[in-house]
Amino acid sequence: MPGTMYPIYRRWLTNRLPASSPLTINLTCTYDSVANTGTVNATVTNTSGSSVSGNLHFAVTESNIPYNWYGLTTVEHVCRDMLPDGNGESVTIPAGNNIVRSRNFTINTAWNENNVFIVVFVQGSTREIYQGAQIGIMPKPKMDYYGQTFTELSGNINRVAQPNENIRMYVKAKNNGAGTYTGGMTITESDPYITINSSTPQTISIQPGQVDTVIIANFAIASTCPVPYTANFFLNFGNYGGTDTIKFMVTNQPGFSDNIEAGQGGWTHSGGNDNWHITTYKSHSPTRSWYSGVESNYQYTNLNDASLVSPYFVVTPDSSLKFWHQYATEVDFDYSYCEIDNNMGWWQILGIYNGTQSAWTQMIYPLSAYSGQTVRLRYRFLSDQSVVAEGWYVDDILVPIVPLVVVQENKNEVKPVTLQVSPNPFTRGLKICCRPTQRAEDTALKIFDASGRLIRQWDHHTMSLSDYVNWDGTDGHGHAVPAGVYFVRFETSNEPIIEKVLKVK
């Protein structure tokens, strides 16, 4: 059956997290991988001032099991056995005291012992879990890419990777296994525009659940690298996690802006009962927005687990994500999520929305933790098996776009294009003369406001390459723009030229 119970479980979890536990559980485990047998020992300590009674359970679980089911390729935390059975053991732990229990277990040879964990928990008479713990039967680490930061060894030193720059990347990974990771991974690339000059695996000791820098790599970006361009780096943890891929974008224009007026663009959407589409029924500005709902009656359907995903882009240093939305969902049961992904393999939640927000509201989330990284956004809508409402509208999505100075291989080289603007400052009209050395099909002229939002654009079909464009100070819908700073950007197959202009009253 499609859909998900995640919103309900998430609400229960959120409500329960602030409550402190009266118990702690410490585990040790021995395992013979030849005989496939072992023993787990649990020490349960009561740290409260009152005795605690409940049922003590031992469960054998396996994760990362290959299985195709409703878009999943693996299933996790599958209960393979209970020790000795599902009834558990009734226990009472006096205040300040502890109990010690041991369980023997046997692992089926069809299971992957590297992905098997013993979970121990104490459950009260009301089914409340007082405390839980887990331990892997194999003391083996499992490493996953977690994120990266970088510095520019040469170039503009603006914290954005551009052509003709040398970069030092610090790669972080998380240990999701049961053993200690001591390093040894490698990083490679297979790209005509990227050259790794050196890589230094770090001498480390990463315990289960911890994150640390695992390797530092120095690489060069060719001066001929096109922009925007996405390169792939491959992280090889060998027997401790296999190979992960990092997407790394080279660009002269970090940030992202979409008012949804130009259509779907690079956005994708999918999932259970996916209703995401562009609508003209409601919008923040001026006529279109993304909507998760059905156009015929403006209600969403049951059992949604539908995601709207942006194209990859580079986060502008020290910037924030801004977008406008409104929504109506069943209170406490149907939820909307704004999330971000930096290639680590799981989405990180920026915002959760539930209930009704009938007015267009702008949300702002700082992205300083992702400065310079290649990321994408996801708007995920979830509904349960009954009761529906209008749904979720999203519009005017912005991570400020900042046109950057291009790193020149030869600063005395004559630019292949010319751009002149006059008068500057201007009041009603701005004359823009832009001529490439030769005609190019991908020539475009764009105007951005100070926040990086695209205001107006002309392509080679609508502008004369041998003449000029007269901008009358209006946006693409004919509305006058306010006084302020704007950027005129002329693009060809070579590097762009940017001029800063000021509109005055």
Protein backbone atom coordinates (compact mmCIF):
# COMPACT_ATOMS: atom_id res chain seq x y z
CA MET A 1 0.00 0.00 0.00
CA PRO A 2 1.45 3.45 -0.85
CA GLY A 3 1.73 6.22 1.71
CA THR A 4 3.65 6.45 4.96
CA MET A 5 3.04 6.50 8.71
CA TYR A 6 6.10 8.71 9.21
CA PRO A 7 4.16 11.90 10.13
CA ILE A 8 2.39 10.13 12.98
CA TYR A 9 5.55 8.48 14.30
CA ARG A 10 7.43 11.75 13.93
CA ARG A 11 4.83 13.57 16.05
CA TRP A 12 5.02 10.90 18.76
CA LEU A 13 8.82 11.04 18.71
CA THR A 14 8.87 14.85 18.92
CA ASN A 15 6.52 14.80 21.91
CA ARG A 16 8.54 12.09 23.66
CA LEU A 17 12.07 13.42 23.14
CA PRO A 18 11.99 16.03 25.96
CA ALA A 19 11.13 13.35 28.56
CA SER A 20 14.19 11.97 30.36
CA SER A 21 14.67 8.22 30.72
CA PRO A 22 15.01 6.52 34.12
CA LEU A 23 17.29 3.83 32.66
CA THR A 24 20.62 3.41 30.89
CA ILE A 25 21.59 0.27 28.94
CA ASN A 26 25.17 -0.80 28.21
CA LEU A 27 25.84 -3.71 25.83
CA THR A 28 28.74 -6.01 25.03
CA CYS A 29 28.76 -8.77 22.43
CA THR A 30 30.91 -11.73 21.38
CA TYR A 31 30.37 -13.49 18.05
CA ASP A 32 31.96 -16.45 16.28
CA SER A 33 31.60 -15.82 12.54
CA VAL A 34 32.53 -19.43 11.76
CA ALA A 35 29.95 -21.06 14.01
CA ASN A 36 27.53 -18.13 13.48
CA THR A 37 26.77 -18.03 17.20
CA GLY A 38 27.32 -15.43 19.88
CA THR A 39 26.33 -13.93 23.24
CA VAL A 40 25.07 -10.44 24.05
CA ASN A 41 25.30 -9.02 27.57
CA ALA A 42 23.11 -6.15 28.79
CA THR A 43 23.59 -4.06 31.95
CA VAL A 44 20.43 -2.10 32.71
CA THR A 45 20.86 0.64 35.34
CA ASN A 46 18.09 2.56 37.07
CA THR A 47 19.29 6.16 37.52
CA SER A 48 16.01 7.44 38.96
CA GLY A 49 14.78 7.64 42.53
CA SER A 50 12.02 5.05 42.08
CA SER A 51 11.95 1.41 41.03
CA VAL A 52 11.16 0.69 37.38
CA SER A 53 9.21 -2.37 36.19
CA GLY A 54 8.72 -3.58 32.66
CA ASN A 55 9.55 -6.23 30.07
CA LEU A 56 13.15 -6.61 28.90
CA HIS A 57 13.38 -7.54 25.21
CA PHE A 58 16.28 -8.65 22.98
CA ALA A 59 15.73 -8.41 19.19
CA VAL A 60 18.00 -9.48 16.32
CA THR A 61 17.71 -7.02 13.41
CA GLU A 62 19.21 -6.81 9.93
CA SER A 63 19.51 -3.70 7.73
CA ASN A 64 20.48 -2.87 4.16
CA ILE A 65 18.56 -5.86 2.77
CA PRO A 66 18.18 -5.59 -1.03
CA TYR A 67 14.46 -5.39 -1.79
CA ASN A 68 12.38 -3.45 -4.31
CA TRP A 69 9.24 -2.06 -2.72
CA TYR A 70 7.43 1.19 -3.62
CA GLY A 71 10.56 2.90 -4.85
CA LEU A 72 12.86 1.49 -2.15
CA THR A 73 15.90 -0.57 -3.12
CA THR A 74 16.71 -1.74 0.44
CA VAL A 75 14.78 -2.25 3.67
CA GLU A 76 16.17 -1.41 7.10
CA HIS A 77 15.85 -2.58 10.72
CA VAL A 78 14.06 -5.84 9.89
CA CYS A 79 13.39 -7.94 13.02
CA ARG A 80 14.87 -11.40 12.34
CA ASP A 81 14.47 -12.97 15.80
CA MET A 82 13.54 -12.30 19.45
CA LEU A 83 15.68 -13.71 22.29
CA PRO A 84 14.45 -16.08 23.57
CA ASP A 85 10.99 -15.12 22.23
CA GLY A 86 8.61 -12.20 21.77
CA ASN A 87 7.34 -12.26 25.34
CA GLY A 88 10.57 -10.91 26.83
CA GLU A 89 11.40 -11.06 30.54
CA SER A 90 9.49 -9.29 33.30
CA VAL A 91 11.98 -7.28 35.37
CA THR A 92 11.96 -4.83 38.29
CA ILE A 93 15.01 -2.63 38.81
CA PRO A 94 15.29 -0.93 42.21
CA ALA A 95 16.25 2.75 42.36
CA GLY A 96 19.99 3.22 41.91
CA ASN A 97 20.57 -0.47 41.14
CA ASN A 98 21.17 -2.49 37.97
CA ILE A 99 20.52 -5.90 36.50
CA VAL A 100 22.70 -7.93 34.11
CA ARG A 101 21.23 -10.29 31.52
CA SER A 102 22.82 -12.44 28.80
CA ARG A 103 21.29 -13.99 25.68
CA ASN A 104 22.78 -16.50 23.28
CA PHE A 105 21.94 -16.14 19.58
CA THR A 106 22.46 -17.86 16.24
CA ILE A 107 22.72 -16.01 12.92
CA ASN A 108 21.15 -17.54 9.82
CA THR A 109 23.77 -17.94 7.10
CA ALA A 110 21.38 -16.24 4.65
CA TRP A 111 21.68 -13.01 6.65
CA ASN A 112 24.54 -10.53 6.15
CA GLU A 113 26.24 -10.62 9.54
CA ASN A 114 27.92 -7.28 8.84
CA ASN A 115 24.48 -5.64 8.90
CA VAL A 116 23.10 -7.49 11.94
CA PHE A 117 22.51 -5.63 15.24
CA ILE A 118 21.14 -6.74 18.61
CA VAL A 119 18.55 -4.25 19.93
CA VAL A 120 17.74 -4.30 23.65
CA PHE A 121 14.89 -2.31 25.22
CA VAL A 122 12.71 -2.13 28.32
CA GLN A 123 8.99 -1.64 27.73
CA GLY A 124 6.44 -0.62 30.35
CA SER A 125 2.92 -1.98 30.85
CA THR A 126 1.52 0.89 28.75
CA ARG A 127 3.91 -0.11 25.92
CA GLU A 128 6.06 2.94 26.58
CA ILE A 129 9.73 2.27 25.83
CA TYR A 130 11.79 3.41 28.83
CA GLN A 131 15.16 2.96 27.14
CA GLY A 132 16.82 1.15 24.23
CA ALA A 133 20.30 0.38 22.92
CA GLN A 134 21.88 -1.56 20.06
CA ILE A 135 25.18 -3.19 19.24
CA GLY A 136 26.54 -4.72 16.04
CA ILE A 137 27.62 -8.34 16.22
CA MET A 138 30.60 -7.61 13.94
CA PRO A 139 33.02 -4.89 15.15
CA LYS A 140 33.21 -3.42 11.68
CA PRO A 141 32.81 0.23 10.69
CA LYS A 142 30.53 1.31 7.87
CA MET A 143 31.46 4.66 6.40
CA ASP A 144 29.19 7.07 4.50
CA TYR A 145 29.98 10.44 2.95
CA TYR A 146 28.71 13.24 5.21
CA GLY A 147 29.78 16.52 3.59
CA GLN A 148 32.69 18.64 2.46
CA THR A 149 34.17 22.08 2.86
CA PHE A 150 36.86 23.66 0.71
CA THR A 151 39.23 26.59 0.46
CA GLU A 152 40.67 28.21 -2.65
CA LEU A 153 44.43 27.88 -2.90
CA SER A 154 44.38 30.26 -5.87
CA GLY A 155 41.74 32.33 -7.61
CA ASN A 156 39.24 34.91 -6.34
CA ILE A 157 39.09 33.50 -2.79
CA ASN A 158 35.33 34.08 -2.80
CA ARG A 159 34.43 30.59 -1.44
CA VAL A 160 32.94 29.49 -4.77
CA ALA A 161 34.73 27.06 -7.12
CA GLN A 162 35.37 28.64 -10.53
CA PRO A 163 37.40 27.79 -13.64
CA ASN A 164 41.17 28.24 -13.39
CA GLU A 165 41.21 27.83 -9.59
CA ASN A 166 43.07 25.44 -7.29
CA ILE A 167 40.93 23.94 -4.53
CA ARG A 168 41.65 22.16 -1.26
CA MET A 169 38.69 19.95 -0.28
CA TYR A 170 38.10 18.55 3.21
CA VAL A 171 35.90 15.45 2.99
CA LYS A 172 33.86 14.35 6.02
CA ALA A 173 32.33 10.92 6.63
CA LYS A 174 30.15 9.32 9.29
CA ASN A 175 30.65 5.90 10.84
CA ASN A 176 27.29 4.09 10.72
CA GLY A 177 28.78 0.72 11.67
CA ALA A 178 29.71 -1.06 14.88
CA GLY A 179 33.52 -0.86 14.76
CA THR A 180 36.15 1.91 14.84
CA TYR A 181 37.30 3.41 11.53
CA THR A 182 41.00 4.27 11.32
CA GLY A 183 41.20 5.67 7.79
CA GLY A 184 42.62 4.55 4.46
CA MET A 185 39.96 5.73 1.99
CA THR A 186 40.83 7.09 -1.47
CA ILE A 187 39.36 9.80 -3.69
CA THR A 188 39.41 9.73 -7.49
CA GLU A 189 37.83 11.52 -10.44
CA SER A 190 37.37 10.86 -14.13
CA ASP A 191 36.80 14.27 -15.60
CA PRO A 192 38.48 16.28 -18.39
CA TYR A 193 38.30 19.52 -16.40
CA ILE A 194 39.39 18.31 -12.94
CA THR A 195 42.88 17.15 -11.95
CA ILE A 196 43.62 15.83 -8.45
CA ASN A 197 47.16 16.92 -7.60
CA SER A 198 47.36 15.26 -4.19
CA SER A 199 45.19 13.46 -1.63
CA THR A 200 46.00 12.82 2.01
CA PRO A 201 43.98 10.24 4.00
CA GLN A 202 43.76 11.40 7.61
CA THR A 203 45.08 9.50 10.62
CA ILE A 204 41.87 9.21 12.61
CA SER A 205 39.84 7.05 14.97
CA ILE A 206 36.12 7.45 14.25
CA GLN A 207 33.85 5.66 16.71
CA PRO A 208 30.36 4.40 15.75
CA GLY A 209 28.04 7.35 15.19
CA GLN A 210 30.83 9.93 14.93
CA VAL A 211 31.75 12.29 12.07
CA ASP A 212 35.24 13.46 11.12
CA THR A 213 37.40 14.58 8.17
CA VAL A 214 38.69 11.45 6.43
CA ILE A 215 40.72 12.84 3.52
CA ILE A 216 42.06 16.15 2.18
CA ALA A 217 42.40 16.54 -1.58
CA ASN A 218 44.01 19.29 -3.64
CA PHE A 219 42.73 19.62 -7.20
CA ALA A 220 42.84 22.04 -10.12
CA ILE A 221 39.92 23.25 -12.23
CA ALA A 222 40.87 23.83 -15.87
CA SER A 223 40.54 27.34 -17.25
CA THR A 224 38.53 25.83 -20.11
CA CYS A 225 35.94 24.30 -17.77
CA PRO A 226 32.43 25.33 -18.90
CA VAL A 227 30.03 26.90 -16.40
CA PRO A 228 27.91 25.77 -14.82
CA TYR A 229 29.53 22.34 -14.78
CA THR A 230 29.09 19.39 -12.42
CA ALA A 231 32.03 17.08 -11.78
CA ASN A 232 31.90 13.78 -9.88
CA PHE A 233 34.39 12.70 -7.23
CA PHE A 234 34.41 9.06 -6.10
CA LEU A 235 35.12 8.16 -2.47
CA ASN A 236 36.21 4.57 -1.95
CA PHE A 237 35.94 3.21 1.60
CA GLY A 238 36.72 -0.33 0.38
CA ASN A 239 35.35 -2.97 2.73
CA TYR A 240 34.13 -0.24 5.08
CA GLY A 241 31.38 1.24 2.96
CA GLY A 242 32.09 0.83 -0.74
CA THR A 243 32.06 3.84 -3.09
CA ASP A 244 30.17 7.11 -2.63
CA THR A 245 29.84 9.85 -5.26
CA ILE A 246 30.20 13.58 -4.56
CA LYS A 247 28.66 16.00 -7.05
CA PHE A 248 30.78 19.16 -7.21
CA MET A 249 29.57 22.11 -9.28
CA VAL A 250 31.86 24.70 -10.87
CA THR A 251 30.05 27.98 -11.52
CA ASN A 252 30.42 31.72 -11.99
CA GLN A 253 26.92 32.29 -10.66
CA PRO A 254 26.08 30.56 -7.35
CA GLY A 255 22.56 30.62 -5.98
CA PHE A 256 19.14 29.63 -7.24
CA SER A 257 16.03 31.57 -8.20
CA ASP A 258 12.70 30.42 -9.61
CA ASN A 259 9.36 32.24 -9.62
CA ILE A 260 7.79 29.26 -11.48
CA GLU A 261 6.68 31.50 -14.36
CA ALA A 262 8.98 29.81 -16.92
CA GLY A 263 7.60 26.29 -16.33
CA GLN A 264 9.06 23.16 -14.80
CA GLY A 265 12.68 23.80 -15.78
CA GLY A 266 15.05 21.43 -13.99
CA TRP A 267 12.56 20.43 -11.29
CA THR A 268 11.45 16.80 -10.98
CA HIS A 269 8.66 15.23 -8.93
CA SER A 270 7.71 11.67 -8.04
CA GLY A 271 6.42 9.42 -5.27
CA GLY A 272 3.27 7.74 -4.03
CA ASN A 273 0.09 9.43 -5.35
CA ASP A 274 2.21 12.31 -6.65
CA ASN A 275 0.02 15.37 -7.30
CA TRP A 276 2.78 18.00 -7.70
CA HIS A 277 2.16 20.27 -10.69
CA ILE A 278 2.28 23.95 -11.69
CA THR A 279 -1.01 25.73 -11.08
CA THR A 280 -2.46 29.16 -11.89
CA TYR A 281 -5.17 28.79 -9.22
CA LYS A 282 -3.06 30.51 -6.54
CA SER A 283 0.35 32.16 -6.62
CA HIS A 284 2.44 34.64 -4.68
CA SER A 285 3.75 36.38 -7.82
CA PRO A 286 2.59 36.82 -10.40
CA THR A 287 0.51 33.94 -11.90
CA ARG A 288 1.98 30.47 -11.15
CA SER A 289 3.10 28.28 -8.25
CA TRP A 290 3.87 24.63 -7.49
CA TYR A 291 0.86 22.83 -5.97
CA SER A 292 0.54 19.43 -4.30
CA GLY A 293 -3.14 18.73 -4.82
CA VAL A 294 -5.74 17.89 -7.45
CA GLU A 295 -6.77 20.65 -9.85
CA SER A 296 -10.38 19.47 -10.29
CA ASN A 297 -11.41 20.05 -6.68
CA TYR A 298 -8.32 21.66 -5.06
CA GLN A 299 -7.93 18.90 -2.51
CA TYR A 300 -5.03 16.50 -2.06
CA THR A 301 -5.51 12.74 -2.03
CA ASN A 302 -4.92 10.15 0.67
CA LEU A 303 -1.68 8.21 1.04
CA ASN A 304 0.63 10.82 -0.48
CA ASP A 305 4.39 10.53 -0.24
CA ALA A 306 5.29 12.89 -3.06
CA SER A 307 8.48 14.89 -3.53
CA LEU A 308 9.29 17.96 -5.61
CA VAL A 309 13.08 18.18 -6.16
CA SER A 310 15.07 21.15 -7.47
CA PRO A 311 18.07 20.93 -9.80
CA TYR A 312 21.50 21.01 -8.16
CA PHE A 313 23.01 24.44 -7.46
CA VAL A 314 25.83 26.00 -5.42
CA VAL A 315 24.90 27.73 -2.17
CA THR A 316 25.98 31.37 -2.12
CA PRO A 317 28.31 31.95 0.86
CA ASP A 318 26.55 33.24 4.00
CA SER A 319 23.13 33.17 2.34
CA SER A 320 19.65 31.91 3.19
CA LEU A 321 16.90 30.00 1.43
CA LYS A 322 13.74 32.06 1.01
CA PHE A 323 10.41 30.92 -0.40
CA TRP A 324 6.72 31.75 -0.09
CA HIS A 325 4.04 29.19 0.67
CA GLN A 326 0.55 28.56 1.99
CA TYR A 327 -1.07 25.30 2.98
CA ALA A 328 -4.05 23.49 4.48
CA THR A 329 -3.51 19.98 5.88
CA GLU A 330 -5.18 17.70 8.42
CA VAL A 331 -3.85 18.79 11.80
CA ASP A 332 -1.34 16.34 13.34
CA PHE A 333 -1.70 13.77 10.56
CA ASP A 334 -0.69 15.25 7.17
CA TYR A 335 2.62 17.11 6.90
CA SER A 336 4.78 19.16 4.54
CA TYR A 337 8.57 19.22 4.69
CA CYS A 338 11.24 21.50 3.23
CA GLU A 339 14.54 19.61 3.03
CA ILE A 340 18.07 19.93 1.66
CA ASP A 341 20.55 17.35 0.33
CA ASN A 342 24.31 17.84 -0.06
CA ASN A 343 24.93 14.37 -1.56
CA MET A 344 25.28 12.65 1.82
CA GLY A 345 22.50 10.19 0.98
CA TRP A 346 19.76 11.38 3.29
CA TRP A 347 17.70 14.55 3.34
CA GLN A 348 18.04 17.03 6.18
CA ILE A 349 14.89 18.81 7.33
CA LEU A 350 14.82 22.61 7.23
CA GLY A 351 11.13 23.08 8.06
CA ILE A 352 7.98 21.11 8.98
CA TYR A 353 4.46 22.48 8.36
CA ASN A 354 1.08 21.21 9.54
CA GLY A 355 -2.41 22.62 9.90
CA THR A 356 -3.51 25.74 8.01
CA GLN A 357 -1.62 28.79 6.81
CA SER A 358 -4.12 30.60 4.58
CA ALA A 359 -1.99 33.67 3.76
CA TRP A 360 1.16 33.65 1.66
CA THR A 361 4.05 33.52 4.12
CA GLN A 362 7.78 33.78 3.46
CA MET A 363 10.05 31.21 5.08
CA ILE A 364 13.76 31.95 5.61
CA TYR A 365 16.37 29.31 6.49
CA PRO A 366 20.10 30.18 6.89
CA LEU A 367 22.33 28.01 4.69
CA SER A 368 25.72 29.05 6.06
CA ALA A 369 26.47 25.40 6.92
CA TYR A 370 26.29 24.63 3.18
CA SER A 371 28.25 27.64 1.82
CA GLY A 372 29.91 26.75 -1.48
CA GLN A 373 28.50 23.21 -1.47
CA THR A 374 26.50 21.64 -4.29
CA VAL A 375 22.98 20.99 -3.00
CA ARG A 376 19.37 20.49 -4.06
CA LEU A 377 16.05 21.20 -2.35
CA ARG A 378 13.07 18.93 -1.77
CA TYR A 379 9.48 19.80 -0.92
CA ARG A 380 7.91 16.60 0.39
CA PHE A 381 4.19 16.18 1.04
CA LEU A 382 2.82 13.33 3.18
CA SER A 383 -0.78 12.34 3.93
CA ASP A 384 -2.36 9.42 5.77
CA GLN A 385 -5.25 7.14 4.74
CA SER A 386 -8.18 9.47 5.57
CA VAL A 387 -9.30 13.13 5.71
CA VAL A 388 -7.98 15.60 3.13
CA ALA A 389 -7.71 19.37 2.75
CA GLU A 390 -6.54 21.85 0.10
CA GLY A 391 -2.83 21.01 0.14
CA TRP A 392 0.42 22.93 -0.27
CA TYR A 393 1.44 25.79 -2.58
CA VAL A 394 5.11 26.85 -3.00
CA ASP A 395 6.32 29.91 -4.95
CA ASP A 396 9.20 32.37 -5.46
CA ILE A 397 12.09 30.17 -4.32
CA LEU A 398 15.37 32.03 -3.86
CA VAL A 399 18.92 31.45 -2.71
CA PRO A 400 20.48 34.80 -3.74
CA ILE A 401 22.21 34.65 -7.12
CA VAL A 402 25.47 36.58 -7.14
CA PRO A 403 27.28 36.96 -10.49
CA LEU A 404 31.00 36.58 -9.79
CA VAL A 405 34.16 37.96 -11.32
CA VAL A 406 35.68 35.42 -13.71
CA VAL A 407 39.22 34.25 -12.98
CA GLN A 408 41.28 35.15 -16.04
CA GLU A 409 44.11 32.88 -17.18
CA ASN A 410 45.67 35.95 -18.81
CA LYS A 411 44.47 39.26 -17.42
CA ASN A 412 45.82 41.12 -20.47
CA GLU A 413 43.69 39.02 -22.80
CA VAL A 414 41.06 40.97 -24.79
CA LYS A 415 37.55 40.03 -23.75
CA PRO A 416 35.56 38.29 -26.51
CA VAL A 417 32.48 40.41 -25.86
CA THR A 418 31.72 44.05 -25.13
CA LEU A 419 29.00 45.49 -22.91
CA GLN A 420 28.14 49.16 -22.46
CA VAL A 421 25.27 50.71 -20.48
CA SER A 422 24.10 54.30 -20.43
CA PRO A 423 23.06 56.47 -18.75
CA ASN A 424 24.15 55.19 -15.35
CA PRO A 425 22.41 56.05 -13.03
CA PHE A 426 19.15 56.04 -15.06
CA THR A 427 15.54 56.95 -14.40
CA ARG A 428 13.25 55.65 -17.19
CA GLY A 429 15.39 53.96 -19.82
CA LEU A 430 18.74 52.18 -19.97
CA LYS A 431 20.52 51.69 -23.30
CA ILE A 432 22.43 48.38 -23.31
CA CYS A 433 24.95 47.85 -26.12
CA CYS A 434 26.21 44.25 -26.23
CA ARG A 435 28.24 42.78 -29.04
CA PRO A 436 30.10 39.46 -29.18
CA THR A 437 32.99 39.03 -31.58
CA GLN A 438 30.74 36.66 -33.51
CA ARG A 439 27.09 35.64 -33.38
CA ALA A 440 26.30 32.84 -30.95
CA GLU A 441 23.09 30.84 -30.59
CA ASP A 442 23.46 30.73 -26.82
CA THR A 443 23.77 34.51 -26.41
CA ALA A 444 21.54 35.97 -23.70
CA LEU A 445 21.10 39.24 -21.83
CA LYS A 446 19.81 39.10 -18.25
CA ILE A 447 19.04 41.64 -15.55
CA PHE A 448 19.13 40.72 -11.82
CA ASP A 449 18.15 42.75 -8.79
CA ALA A 450 20.43 43.17 -5.76
CA SER A 451 19.11 39.98 -4.12
CA GLY A 452 20.01 37.92 -7.20
CA ARG A 453 16.46 37.53 -8.52
CA LEU A 454 16.16 37.37 -12.33
CA ILE A 455 14.10 40.43 -13.39
CA ARG A 456 14.25 40.49 -17.19
CA GLN A 457 15.96 38.55 -19.97
CA TRP A 458 16.40 38.51 -23.74
CA ASP A 459 17.77 35.66 -25.84
CA HIS A 460 19.29 35.77 -29.34
CA HIS A 461 15.79 35.53 -30.87
CA THR A 462 14.57 38.73 -29.20
CA MET A 463 17.67 40.94 -29.27
CA SER A 464 19.79 42.38 -32.04
CA LEU A 465 23.41 41.38 -31.62
CA SER A 466 24.64 44.20 -33.82
CA ASP A 467 22.52 46.91 -32.23
CA TYR A 468 21.30 47.55 -28.67
CA VAL A 469 18.54 46.75 -26.18
CA ASN A 470 16.60 49.50 -24.46
CA TRP A 471 15.45 48.46 -20.98
CA ASP A 472 12.51 50.53 -19.83
CA GLY A 473 12.90 49.58 -16.15
CA THR A 474 10.14 46.97 -16.10
CA ASP A 475 10.18 43.26 -15.29
CA GLY A 476 9.14 40.44 -17.62
CA HIS A 477 5.46 41.14 -16.93
CA GLY A 478 5.60 44.85 -17.67
CA HIS A 479 5.63 45.99 -14.05
CA ALA A 480 7.95 48.86 -13.13
CA VAL A 481 10.79 47.79 -10.85
CA PRO A 482 11.67 49.94 -7.82
CA ALA A 483 14.69 52.21 -7.58
CA GLY A 484 17.86 50.41 -6.56
CA VAL A 485 20.93 48.48 -7.72
CA TYR A 486 20.67 46.03 -10.65
CA PHE A 487 23.15 43.85 -12.51
CA VAL A 488 23.21 43.61 -16.32
CA ARG A 489 24.73 40.29 -17.42
CA PHE A 490 25.67 39.54 -21.06
CA GLU A 491 26.28 35.85 -21.78
CA THR A 492 27.81 34.09 -24.77
CA SER A 493 29.57 30.75 -25.21
CA ASN A 494 32.57 32.41 -23.53
CA GLU A 495 32.65 34.04 -20.10
CA PRO A 496 29.91 36.56 -19.24
CA ILE A 497 30.35 40.30 -18.68
CA ILE A 498 28.50 42.04 -15.85
CA GLU A 499 27.78 45.73 -15.32
CA LYS A 500 26.30 47.25 -12.17
CA VAL A 501 23.65 49.94 -12.74
CA LEU A 502 21.57 52.16 -10.49
CA LYS A 503 17.93 53.08 -11.09
CA VAL A 504 16.88 56.31 -9.39
CA LYS A 505 13.48 57.94 -8.94
